[in-house]
Amino acid sequence: MLDLAVNFFLSGFVYPGILWNQVLLSIGLGLAFGAVWFAPYWTPILKKPWAWAVLAGSAFLTWAAVAFIQIPLQQMAGNFLVDQFGMETYQSLILLVGIPGILLTGLVQEGAKLVPVVVCWWRKGRKIDPKLGLAIGAVAGLGLGLFEAVWAHNNIFASGWGWEMVQSGGLVALAPFWERFFAVAAHIAFSAIAGWGLAKGWGWQFYLIAAVLHAFLNYSVVLLYAGYFTVVALEIQTAVIAAVVTAAALWLRWGEPSGPAVSET
């Protein structure tokens, strides 16, 4: 199990068998996706050096948490359920027994993304304007969104993806990039909402809201495995959830009046 965790962690930094121009394209796509979804928040927070520490810290801590907490716990939960029910029953009940593992994705990732946000909130005396909390959360989500997008794109190219697949298979061949485009939006919005809630004094409540929303987004993978979703349906659900949660985060950003002015230094 440790080998699995270590190998996954390293997969975020080492990409054997991929060309340098593909790595650059992966990075470029990730940056473009992040810019598109972060721009509507219209915050100057990235002018502050500490905001970049939040961005990088969120990406690293969450990736480490996925590798060394989420994956081992999912493995143990899956093994336990298979031992209890047997593989055949486990597969027949996948819509139910898949819930614990999916919930772990939300609880672990949203919790890890919030660590740098909580540090900033603590350093500012545990009293910040909610819109600043939202902005810090958005930066944390952007950090993981960018890192995960580059990782996903590199794996897509390493699997042999090429433009000829679009020519032969149509737009469905672009589905992995579509999914990652909206996944970046979701990461930003989930953390933004959680950061807003933390600043409002509802930290654990909004952490759970973000975690459940994250898990709900990921549950589409279970539906795909069970045969209830096609790849197209999965991508549509991802887009709809990301758009709705982003709209909610932007309403908090633009629709609610600010509290007392708080410096972003």
C-alpha atoms as a PDB file:
ATOM      1  CA  MET A   1       0.000   0.000   0.000  1.00  0.00           C
ATOM      2  CA  LEU A   2       2.877   2.360   0.782  1.00  0.00           C
ATOM      3  CA  ASP A   3       4.367   1.679  -2.649  1.00  0.00           C
ATOM      4  CA  LEU A   4       1.039   2.598  -4.260  1.00  0.00           C
ATOM      5  CA  ALA A   5       0.901   5.866  -2.317  1.00  0.00           C
ATOM      6  CA  VAL A   6       4.508   6.778  -3.089  1.00  0.00           C
ATOM      7  CA  ASN A   7       4.132   5.950  -6.783  1.00  0.00           C
ATOM      8  CA  PHE A   8       1.002   8.060  -7.043  1.00  0.00           C
ATOM      9  CA  PHE A   9       2.692  10.983  -5.304  1.00  0.00           C
ATOM     10  CA  LEU A  10       5.683  10.782  -7.647  1.00  0.00           C
ATOM     11  CA  SER A  11       3.360  10.587 -10.664  1.00  0.00           C
ATOM     12  CA  GLY A  12       2.632  14.247 -10.111  1.00  0.00           C
ATOM     13  CA  PHE A  13       6.245  15.155 -10.785  1.00  0.00           C
ATOM     14  CA  VAL A  14       7.701  12.469 -13.068  1.00  0.00           C
ATOM     15  CA  TYR A  15       6.287  11.674 -16.517  1.00  0.00           C
ATOM     16  CA  PRO A  16       8.245   8.962 -18.314  1.00  0.00           C
ATOM     17  CA  GLY A  17       7.614   8.554 -22.002  1.00  0.00           C
ATOM     18  CA  ILE A  18       6.228  12.038 -22.626  1.00  0.00           C
ATOM     19  CA  LEU A  19       7.790  14.643 -24.908  1.00  0.00           C
ATOM     20  CA  TRP A  20       8.866  18.033 -23.597  1.00  0.00           C
ATOM     21  CA  ASN A  21       6.521  19.865 -25.977  1.00  0.00           C
ATOM     22  CA  GLN A  22       3.633  17.825 -24.575  1.00  0.00           C
ATOM     23  CA  VAL A  23       4.625  18.831 -21.041  1.00  0.00           C
ATOM     24  CA  LEU A  24       4.652  22.475 -22.133  1.00  0.00           C
ATOM     25  CA  LEU A  25       1.236  22.042 -23.737  1.00  0.00           C
ATOM     26  CA  SER A  26      -0.078  20.460 -20.513  1.00  0.00           C
ATOM     27  CA  ILE A  27       1.204  23.404 -18.496  1.00  0.00           C
ATOM     28  CA  GLY A  28      -0.175  25.900 -21.001  1.00  0.00           C
ATOM     29  CA  LEU A  29      -3.618  24.315 -20.970  1.00  0.00           C
ATOM     30  CA  GLY A  30      -3.632  24.212 -17.181  1.00  0.00           C
ATOM     31  CA  LEU A  31      -2.696  27.883 -16.929  1.00  0.00           C
ATOM     32  CA  ALA A  32      -5.321  28.822 -19.509  1.00  0.00           C
ATOM     33  CA  PHE A  33      -8.049  26.888 -17.698  1.00  0.00           C
ATOM     34  CA  GLY A  34      -7.061  28.456 -14.391  1.00  0.00           C
ATOM     35  CA  ALA A  35      -7.010  31.970 -15.856  1.00  0.00           C
ATOM     36  CA  VAL A  36     -10.466  31.564 -17.384  1.00  0.00           C
ATOM     37  CA  TRP A  37     -12.071  30.469 -14.124  1.00  0.00           C
ATOM     38  CA  PHE A  38     -10.124  32.662 -11.701  1.00  0.00           C
ATOM     39  CA  ALA A  39     -10.679  35.876 -13.694  1.00  0.00           C
ATOM     40  CA  PRO A  40     -14.390  36.315 -12.779  1.00  0.00           C
ATOM     41  CA  TYR A  41     -13.452  36.615  -9.108  1.00  0.00           C
ATOM     42  CA  TRP A  42     -11.586  39.793 -10.107  1.00  0.00           C
ATOM     43  CA  THR A  43      -9.316  39.990  -7.093  1.00  0.00           C
ATOM     44  CA  PRO A  44      -5.821  41.504  -6.891  1.00  0.00           C
ATOM     45  CA  ILE A  45      -4.814  38.951  -4.278  1.00  0.00           C
ATOM     46  CA  LEU A  46      -2.187  37.308  -6.494  1.00  0.00           C
ATOM     47  CA  LYS A  47      -0.192  40.536  -6.316  1.00  0.00           C
ATOM     48  CA  LYS A  48       0.684  39.517  -2.756  1.00  0.00           C
ATOM     49  CA  PRO A  49       3.650  37.132  -2.331  1.00  0.00           C
ATOM     50  CA  TRP A  50       1.907  35.234   0.461  1.00  0.00           C
ATOM     51  CA  ALA A  51      -0.957  34.374  -1.907  1.00  0.00           C
ATOM     52  CA  TRP A  52       1.483  32.398  -4.046  1.00  0.00           C
ATOM     53  CA  ALA A  53       2.513  30.488  -0.926  1.00  0.00           C
ATOM     54  CA  VAL A  54      -1.170  29.630  -0.435  1.00  0.00           C
ATOM     55  CA  LEU A  55      -1.417  28.500  -4.065  1.00  0.00           C
ATOM     56  CA  ALA A  56       1.686  26.293  -3.918  1.00  0.00           C
ATOM     57  CA  GLY A  57       0.948  25.046  -0.410  1.00  0.00           C
ATOM     58  CA  SER A  58      -2.554  23.982  -1.331  1.00  0.00           C
ATOM     59  CA  ALA A  59      -1.337  22.049  -4.376  1.00  0.00           C
ATOM     60  CA  PHE A  60       1.447  20.246  -2.521  1.00  0.00           C
ATOM     61  CA  LEU A  61      -0.483  19.491   0.667  1.00  0.00           C
ATOM     62  CA  THR A  62      -3.533  18.214  -1.182  1.00  0.00           C
ATOM     63  CA  TRP A  63      -1.509  16.049  -3.529  1.00  0.00           C
ATOM     64  CA  ALA A  64       0.325  14.565  -0.546  1.00  0.00           C
ATOM     65  CA  ALA A  65      -2.972  14.046   1.294  1.00  0.00           C
ATOM     66  CA  VAL A  66      -4.452  12.234  -1.711  1.00  0.00           C
ATOM     67  CA  ALA A  67      -1.416   9.971  -1.958  1.00  0.00           C
ATOM     68  CA  PHE A  68      -0.856   9.187   1.709  1.00  0.00           C
ATOM     69  CA  ILE A  69      -4.316   9.562   3.271  1.00  0.00           C
ATOM     70  CA  GLN A  70      -7.077   9.302   0.668  1.00  0.00           C
ATOM     71  CA  ILE A  71      -5.747   6.413  -1.408  1.00  0.00           C
ATOM     72  CA  PRO A  72      -4.766   4.184   1.565  1.00  0.00           C
ATOM     73  CA  LEU A  73      -8.114   4.812   3.290  1.00  0.00           C
ATOM     74  CA  GLN A  74     -10.014   4.064   0.084  1.00  0.00           C
ATOM     75  CA  GLN A  75      -7.989   0.899  -0.361  1.00  0.00           C
ATOM     76  CA  MET A  76      -8.703  -0.234   3.186  1.00  0.00           C
ATOM     77  CA  ALA A  77     -12.402   0.629   2.921  1.00  0.00           C
ATOM     78  CA  GLY A  78     -12.712  -1.198  -0.379  1.00  0.00           C
ATOM     79  CA  ASN A  79     -10.906  -4.292   0.915  1.00  0.00           C
ATOM     80  CA  PHE A  80     -13.079  -4.336   4.038  1.00  0.00           C
ATOM     81  CA  LEU A  81     -16.319  -4.146   2.046  1.00  0.00           C
ATOM     82  CA  VAL A  82     -15.171  -6.835  -0.398  1.00  0.00           C
ATOM     83  CA  ASP A  83     -14.264  -9.089   2.543  1.00  0.00           C
ATOM     84  CA  GLN A  84     -17.666  -8.493   4.111  1.00  0.00           C
ATOM     85  CA  PHE A  85     -19.849  -8.917   1.021  1.00  0.00           C
ATOM     86  CA  GLY A  86     -17.703 -10.691  -1.556  1.00  0.00           C
ATOM     87  CA  MET A  87     -16.643  -9.230  -4.890  1.00  0.00           C
ATOM     88  CA  GLU A  88     -19.827 -10.178  -6.752  1.00  0.00           C
ATOM     89  CA  THR A  89     -22.141  -8.577  -4.177  1.00  0.00           C
ATOM     90  CA  TYR A  90     -19.793  -5.600  -3.870  1.00  0.00           C
ATOM     91  CA  GLN A  91     -20.036  -4.929  -7.593  1.00  0.00           C
ATOM     92  CA  SER A  92     -23.806  -5.359  -7.601  1.00  0.00           C
ATOM     93  CA  LEU A  93     -24.117  -2.839  -4.751  1.00  0.00           C
ATOM     94  CA  ILE A  94     -21.548  -0.413  -6.132  1.00  0.00           C
ATOM     95  CA  LEU A  95     -23.970   2.530  -6.016  1.00  0.00           C
ATOM     96  CA  LEU A  96     -24.131   2.099  -2.240  1.00  0.00           C
ATOM     97  CA  VAL A  97     -20.752   0.679  -1.275  1.00  0.00           C
ATOM     98  CA  GLY A  98     -18.971   3.217  -3.486  1.00  0.00           C
ATOM     99  CA  ILE A  99     -20.207   6.097  -1.324  1.00  0.00           C
ATOM    100  CA  PRO A 100     -17.579   5.860   1.479  1.00  0.00           C
ATOM    101  CA  GLY A 101     -14.664   5.996  -0.949  1.00  0.00           C
ATOM    102  CA  ILE A 102     -16.199   8.905  -2.846  1.00  0.00           C
ATOM    103  CA  LEU A 103     -16.895  10.804   0.382  1.00  0.00           C
ATOM    104  CA  LEU A 104     -13.228  10.400   1.285  1.00  0.00           C
ATOM    105  CA  THR A 105     -12.220  12.274  -1.865  1.00  0.00           C
ATOM    106  CA  GLY A 106     -14.200  15.301  -0.773  1.00  0.00           C
ATOM    107  CA  LEU A 107     -13.277  15.189   2.898  1.00  0.00           C
ATOM    108  CA  VAL A 108      -9.541  14.732   2.306  1.00  0.00           C
ATOM    109  CA  GLN A 109      -9.068  17.093  -0.618  1.00  0.00           C
ATOM    110  CA  GLU A 110     -11.203  19.947   0.667  1.00  0.00           C
ATOM    111  CA  GLY A 111      -9.615  19.612   4.095  1.00  0.00           C
ATOM    112  CA  ALA A 112      -6.090  19.727   2.702  1.00  0.00           C
ATOM    113  CA  LYS A 113      -6.886  22.661   0.414  1.00  0.00           C
ATOM    114  CA  LEU A 114      -8.197  24.586   3.425  1.00  0.00           C
ATOM    115  CA  VAL A 115      -5.005  24.223   5.477  1.00  0.00           C
ATOM    116  CA  PRO A 116      -3.250  27.278   3.928  1.00  0.00           C
ATOM    117  CA  VAL A 117      -6.527  29.217   4.145  1.00  0.00           C
ATOM    118  CA  VAL A 118      -6.822  28.446   7.848  1.00  0.00           C
ATOM    119  CA  VAL A 119      -3.188  29.481   8.388  1.00  0.00           C
ATOM    120  CA  CYS A 120      -3.886  32.870   6.770  1.00  0.00           C
ATOM    121  CA  TRP A 121      -7.081  33.285   8.763  1.00  0.00           C
ATOM    122  CA  TRP A 122      -5.228  32.433  11.991  1.00  0.00           C
ATOM    123  CA  ARG A 123      -2.355  34.808  11.252  1.00  0.00           C
ATOM    124  CA  LYS A 124      -4.846  37.625  10.680  1.00  0.00           C
ATOM    125  CA  GLY A 125      -6.317  37.179  14.148  1.00  0.00           C
ATOM    126  CA  ARG A 126      -9.129  34.827  13.054  1.00  0.00           C
ATOM    127  CA  LYS A 127     -11.086  37.818  11.814  1.00  0.00           C
ATOM    128  CA  ILE A 128     -11.108  38.634   8.108  1.00  0.00           C
ATOM    129  CA  ASP A 129     -13.630  40.004   5.678  1.00  0.00           C
ATOM    130  CA  PRO A 130     -15.651  37.151   4.113  1.00  0.00           C
ATOM    131  CA  LYS A 131     -14.709  38.305   0.633  1.00  0.00           C
ATOM    132  CA  LEU A 132     -11.043  38.089   1.560  1.00  0.00           C
ATOM    133  CA  GLY A 133     -11.683  34.600   2.921  1.00  0.00           C
ATOM    134  CA  LEU A 134     -13.370  33.743  -0.365  1.00  0.00           C
ATOM    135  CA  ALA A 135     -10.428  35.119  -2.354  1.00  0.00           C
ATOM    136  CA  ILE A 136      -7.890  33.154  -0.306  1.00  0.00           C
ATOM    137  CA  GLY A 137      -9.990  30.027  -0.763  1.00  0.00           C
ATOM    138  CA  ALA A 138     -10.184  30.621  -4.505  1.00  0.00           C
ATOM    139  CA  VAL A 139      -6.385  30.867  -4.657  1.00  0.00           C
ATOM    140  CA  ALA A 140      -6.076  27.581  -2.740  1.00  0.00           C
ATOM    141  CA  GLY A 141      -8.479  25.897  -5.154  1.00  0.00           C
ATOM    142  CA  LEU A 142      -6.616  27.359  -8.098  1.00  0.00           C
ATOM    143  CA  GLY A 143      -3.381  25.839  -6.808  1.00  0.00           C
ATOM    144  CA  LEU A 144      -4.711  22.292  -6.775  1.00  0.00           C
ATOM    145  CA  GLY A 145      -6.713  22.846  -9.957  1.00  0.00           C
ATOM    146  CA  LEU A 146      -3.604  23.877 -11.886  1.00  0.00           C
ATOM    147  CA  PHE A 147      -1.431  21.085 -10.521  1.00  0.00           C
ATOM    148  CA  GLU A 148      -4.059  18.409 -11.124  1.00  0.00           C
ATOM    149  CA  ALA A 149      -4.765  19.725 -14.620  1.00  0.00           C
ATOM    150  CA  VAL A 150      -1.103  19.475 -15.634  1.00  0.00           C
ATOM    151  CA  TRP A 151      -0.952  15.959 -14.136  1.00  0.00           C
ATOM    152  CA  ALA A 152      -4.115  14.880 -15.975  1.00  0.00           C
ATOM    153  CA  HIS A 153      -3.023  16.377 -19.290  1.00  0.00           C
ATOM    154  CA  ASN A 154       0.397  14.747 -19.082  1.00  0.00           C
ATOM    155  CA  ASN A 155      -1.238  11.388 -18.439  1.00  0.00           C
ATOM    156  CA  ILE A 156      -3.575  11.920 -21.390  1.00  0.00           C
ATOM    157  CA  PHE A 157      -0.626  12.581 -23.692  1.00  0.00           C
ATOM    158  CA  ALA A 158       1.383   9.714 -22.172  1.00  0.00           C
ATOM    159  CA  SER A 159      -1.494   7.338 -22.981  1.00  0.00           C
ATOM    160  CA  GLY A 160      -1.021   8.097 -26.680  1.00  0.00           C
ATOM    161  CA  TRP A 161      -3.613  10.813 -27.244  1.00  0.00           C
ATOM    162  CA  GLY A 162      -3.151  12.711 -30.484  1.00  0.00           C
ATOM    163  CA  TRP A 163      -5.133  15.022 -32.749  1.00  0.00           C
ATOM    164  CA  GLU A 164      -5.845  12.105 -35.077  1.00  0.00           C
ATOM    165  CA  MET A 165      -8.147  10.746 -32.359  1.00  0.00           C
ATOM    166  CA  VAL A 166     -10.357  13.801 -32.810  1.00  0.00           C
ATOM    167  CA  GLN A 167     -10.320  13.336 -36.563  1.00  0.00           C
ATOM    168  CA  SER A 168     -11.357   9.700 -36.251  1.00  0.00           C
ATOM    169  CA  GLY A 169     -13.556   9.793 -33.146  1.00  0.00           C
ATOM    170  CA  GLY A 170     -14.993  13.283 -33.220  1.00  0.00           C
ATOM    171  CA  LEU A 171     -15.353  15.704 -30.333  1.00  0.00           C
ATOM    172  CA  VAL A 172     -15.760  12.866 -27.820  1.00  0.00           C
ATOM    173  CA  ALA A 173     -11.970  12.511 -27.986  1.00  0.00           C
ATOM    174  CA  LEU A 174     -11.747  15.932 -26.330  1.00  0.00           C
ATOM    175  CA  ALA A 175     -13.798  14.764 -23.332  1.00  0.00           C
ATOM    176  CA  PRO A 176     -10.793  14.441 -20.952  1.00  0.00           C
ATOM    177  CA  PHE A 177      -9.845  18.071 -21.574  1.00  0.00           C
ATOM    178  CA  TRP A 178     -13.461  19.194 -21.188  1.00  0.00           C
ATOM    179  CA  GLU A 179     -13.623  17.409 -17.844  1.00  0.00           C
ATOM    180  CA  ARG A 180     -10.408  19.012 -16.620  1.00  0.00           C
ATOM    181  CA  PHE A 181     -11.552  22.459 -17.754  1.00  0.00           C
ATOM    182  CA  PHE A 182     -14.593  22.257 -15.496  1.00  0.00           C
ATOM    183  CA  ALA A 183     -12.741  20.414 -12.722  1.00  0.00           C
ATOM    184  CA  VAL A 184     -10.491  23.480 -12.352  1.00  0.00           C
ATOM    185  CA  ALA A 185     -13.608  25.639 -11.981  1.00  0.00           C
ATOM    186  CA  ALA A 186     -15.004  23.291  -9.339  1.00  0.00           C
ATOM    187  CA  HIS A 187     -11.774  23.239  -7.315  1.00  0.00           C
ATOM    188  CA  ILE A 188     -11.695  27.029  -7.226  1.00  0.00           C
ATOM    189  CA  ALA A 189     -15.374  27.392  -6.336  1.00  0.00           C
ATOM    190  CA  PHE A 190     -15.440  24.711  -3.616  1.00  0.00           C
ATOM    191  CA  SER A 191     -12.506  26.289  -1.797  1.00  0.00           C
ATOM    192  CA  ALA A 192     -13.806  29.825  -2.326  1.00  0.00           C
ATOM    193  CA  ILE A 193     -17.114  28.932  -0.667  1.00  0.00           C
ATOM    194  CA  ALA A 194     -15.302  27.170   2.181  1.00  0.00           C
ATOM    195  CA  GLY A 195     -13.010  30.189   2.679  1.00  0.00           C
ATOM    196  CA  TRP A 196     -16.029  32.493   2.789  1.00  0.00           C
ATOM    197  CA  GLY A 197     -17.675  30.272   5.397  1.00  0.00           C
ATOM    198  CA  LEU A 198     -14.508  30.188   7.497  1.00  0.00           C
ATOM    199  CA  ALA A 199     -14.360  33.991   7.548  1.00  0.00           C
ATOM    200  CA  LYS A 200     -18.032  34.080   8.527  1.00  0.00           C
ATOM    201  CA  GLY A 201     -17.371  31.862  11.533  1.00  0.00           C
ATOM    202  CA  TRP A 202     -18.869  28.734   9.972  1.00  0.00           C
ATOM    203  CA  GLY A 203     -15.619  26.969   9.154  1.00  0.00           C
ATOM    204  CA  TRP A 204     -16.452  23.314   9.751  1.00  0.00           C
ATOM    205  CA  GLN A 205     -19.977  23.671   8.342  1.00  0.00           C
ATOM    206  CA  PHE A 206     -18.771  25.103   5.044  1.00  0.00           C
ATOM    207  CA  TYR A 207     -15.885  22.646   4.927  1.00  0.00           C
ATOM    208  CA  LEU A 208     -18.467  19.854   5.022  1.00  0.00           C
ATOM    209  CA  ILE A 209     -20.579  21.584   2.371  1.00  0.00           C
ATOM    210  CA  ALA A 210     -17.544  21.840   0.081  1.00  0.00           C
ATOM    211  CA  ALA A 211     -16.569  18.225   0.797  1.00  0.00           C
ATOM    212  CA  VAL A 212     -20.064  16.893   0.036  1.00  0.00           C
ATOM    213  CA  LEU A 213     -20.280  18.931  -3.170  1.00  0.00           C
ATOM    214  CA  HIS A 214     -16.873  17.613  -4.191  1.00  0.00           C
ATOM    215  CA  ALA A 215     -17.968  14.041  -3.452  1.00  0.00           C
ATOM    216  CA  PHE A 216     -21.219  14.551  -5.378  1.00  0.00           C
ATOM    217  CA  LEU A 217     -19.194  15.661  -8.388  1.00  0.00           C
ATOM    218  CA  ASN A 218     -16.968  12.583  -8.140  1.00  0.00           C
ATOM    219  CA  TYR A 219     -19.916  10.200  -7.696  1.00  0.00           C
ATOM    220  CA  SER A 220     -20.413  10.374 -11.448  1.00  0.00           C
ATOM    221  CA  VAL A 221     -17.437   7.991 -11.714  1.00  0.00           C
ATOM    222  CA  VAL A 222     -19.423   5.384  -9.766  1.00  0.00           C
ATOM    223  CA  LEU A 223     -22.421   5.929 -12.037  1.00  0.00           C
ATOM    224  CA  LEU A 224     -20.154   5.459 -15.052  1.00  0.00           C
ATOM    225  CA  TYR A 225     -18.699   2.242 -13.599  1.00  0.00           C
ATOM    226  CA  ALA A 226     -22.194   0.921 -12.852  1.00  0.00           C
ATOM    227  CA  GLY A 227     -23.325   1.598 -16.410  1.00  0.00           C
ATOM    228  CA  TYR A 228     -25.811   4.347 -15.572  1.00  0.00           C
ATOM    229  CA  PHE A 229     -23.684   7.078 -17.140  1.00  0.00           C
ATOM    230  CA  THR A 230     -21.958   7.358 -20.464  1.00  0.00           C
ATOM    231  CA  VAL A 231     -18.743   9.344 -20.813  1.00  0.00           C
ATOM    232  CA  VAL A 232     -20.751  12.160 -22.371  1.00  0.00           C
ATOM    233  CA  ALA A 233     -23.222  12.185 -19.470  1.00  0.00           C
ATOM    234  CA  LEU A 234     -20.322  12.289 -17.005  1.00  0.00           C
ATOM    235  CA  GLU A 235     -18.822  15.300 -18.741  1.00  0.00           C
ATOM    236  CA  ILE A 236     -22.189  17.083 -18.844  1.00  0.00           C
ATOM    237  CA  GLN A 237     -22.720  16.497 -15.123  1.00  0.00           C
ATOM    238  CA  THR A 238     -19.227  17.783 -14.366  1.00  0.00           C
ATOM    239  CA  ALA A 239     -19.901  20.933 -16.359  1.00  0.00           C
ATOM    240  CA  VAL A 240     -23.303  21.566 -14.765  1.00  0.00           C
ATOM    241  CA  ILE A 241     -22.079  21.093 -11.179  1.00  0.00           C
ATOM    242  CA  ALA A 242     -18.991  23.226 -11.764  1.00  0.00           C
ATOM    243  CA  ALA A 243     -21.086  25.990 -13.340  1.00  0.00           C
ATOM    244  CA  VAL A 244     -23.669  25.989 -10.539  1.00  0.00           C
ATOM    245  CA  VAL A 245     -21.071  26.021  -7.743  1.00  0.00           C
ATOM    246  CA  THR A 246     -19.072  28.718  -9.529  1.00  0.00           C
ATOM    247  CA  ALA A 247     -22.237  30.809  -9.851  1.00  0.00           C
ATOM    248  CA  ALA A 248     -22.822  30.433  -6.103  1.00  0.00           C
ATOM    249  CA  ALA A 249     -19.241  31.445  -5.301  1.00  0.00           C
ATOM    250  CA  LEU A 250     -19.451  34.448  -7.610  1.00  0.00           C
ATOM    251  CA  TRP A 251     -22.726  35.509  -6.011  1.00  0.00           C
ATOM    252  CA  LEU A 252     -20.948  35.543  -2.657  1.00  0.00           C
ATOM    253  CA  ARG A 253     -18.112  37.487  -4.291  1.00  0.00           C
ATOM    254  CA  TRP A 254     -20.267  40.112  -6.009  1.00  0.00           C
ATOM    255  CA  GLY A 255     -23.761  39.856  -4.593  1.00  0.00           C
ATOM    256  CA  GLU A 256     -23.183  40.289  -0.881  1.00  0.00           C
ATOM    257  CA  PRO A 257     -21.942  43.591   0.594  1.00  0.00           C
ATOM    258  CA  SER A 258     -18.465  43.578   2.101  1.00  0.00           C
ATOM    259  CA  GLY A 259     -17.799  43.943   5.793  1.00  0.00           C
ATOM    260  CA  PRO A 260     -15.256  46.412   7.177  1.00  0.00           C
ATOM    261  CA  ALA A 261     -12.305  46.917   4.861  1.00  0.00           C
ATOM    262  CA  VAL A 262      -9.515  44.445   5.515  1.00  0.00           C
ATOM    263  CA  SER A 263      -6.072  44.767   4.016  1.00  0.00           C
ATOM    264  CA  GLU A 264      -4.813  41.901   1.857  1.00  0.00           C
ATOM    265  CA  THR A 265      -1.213  42.403   3.028  1.00  0.00           C
END
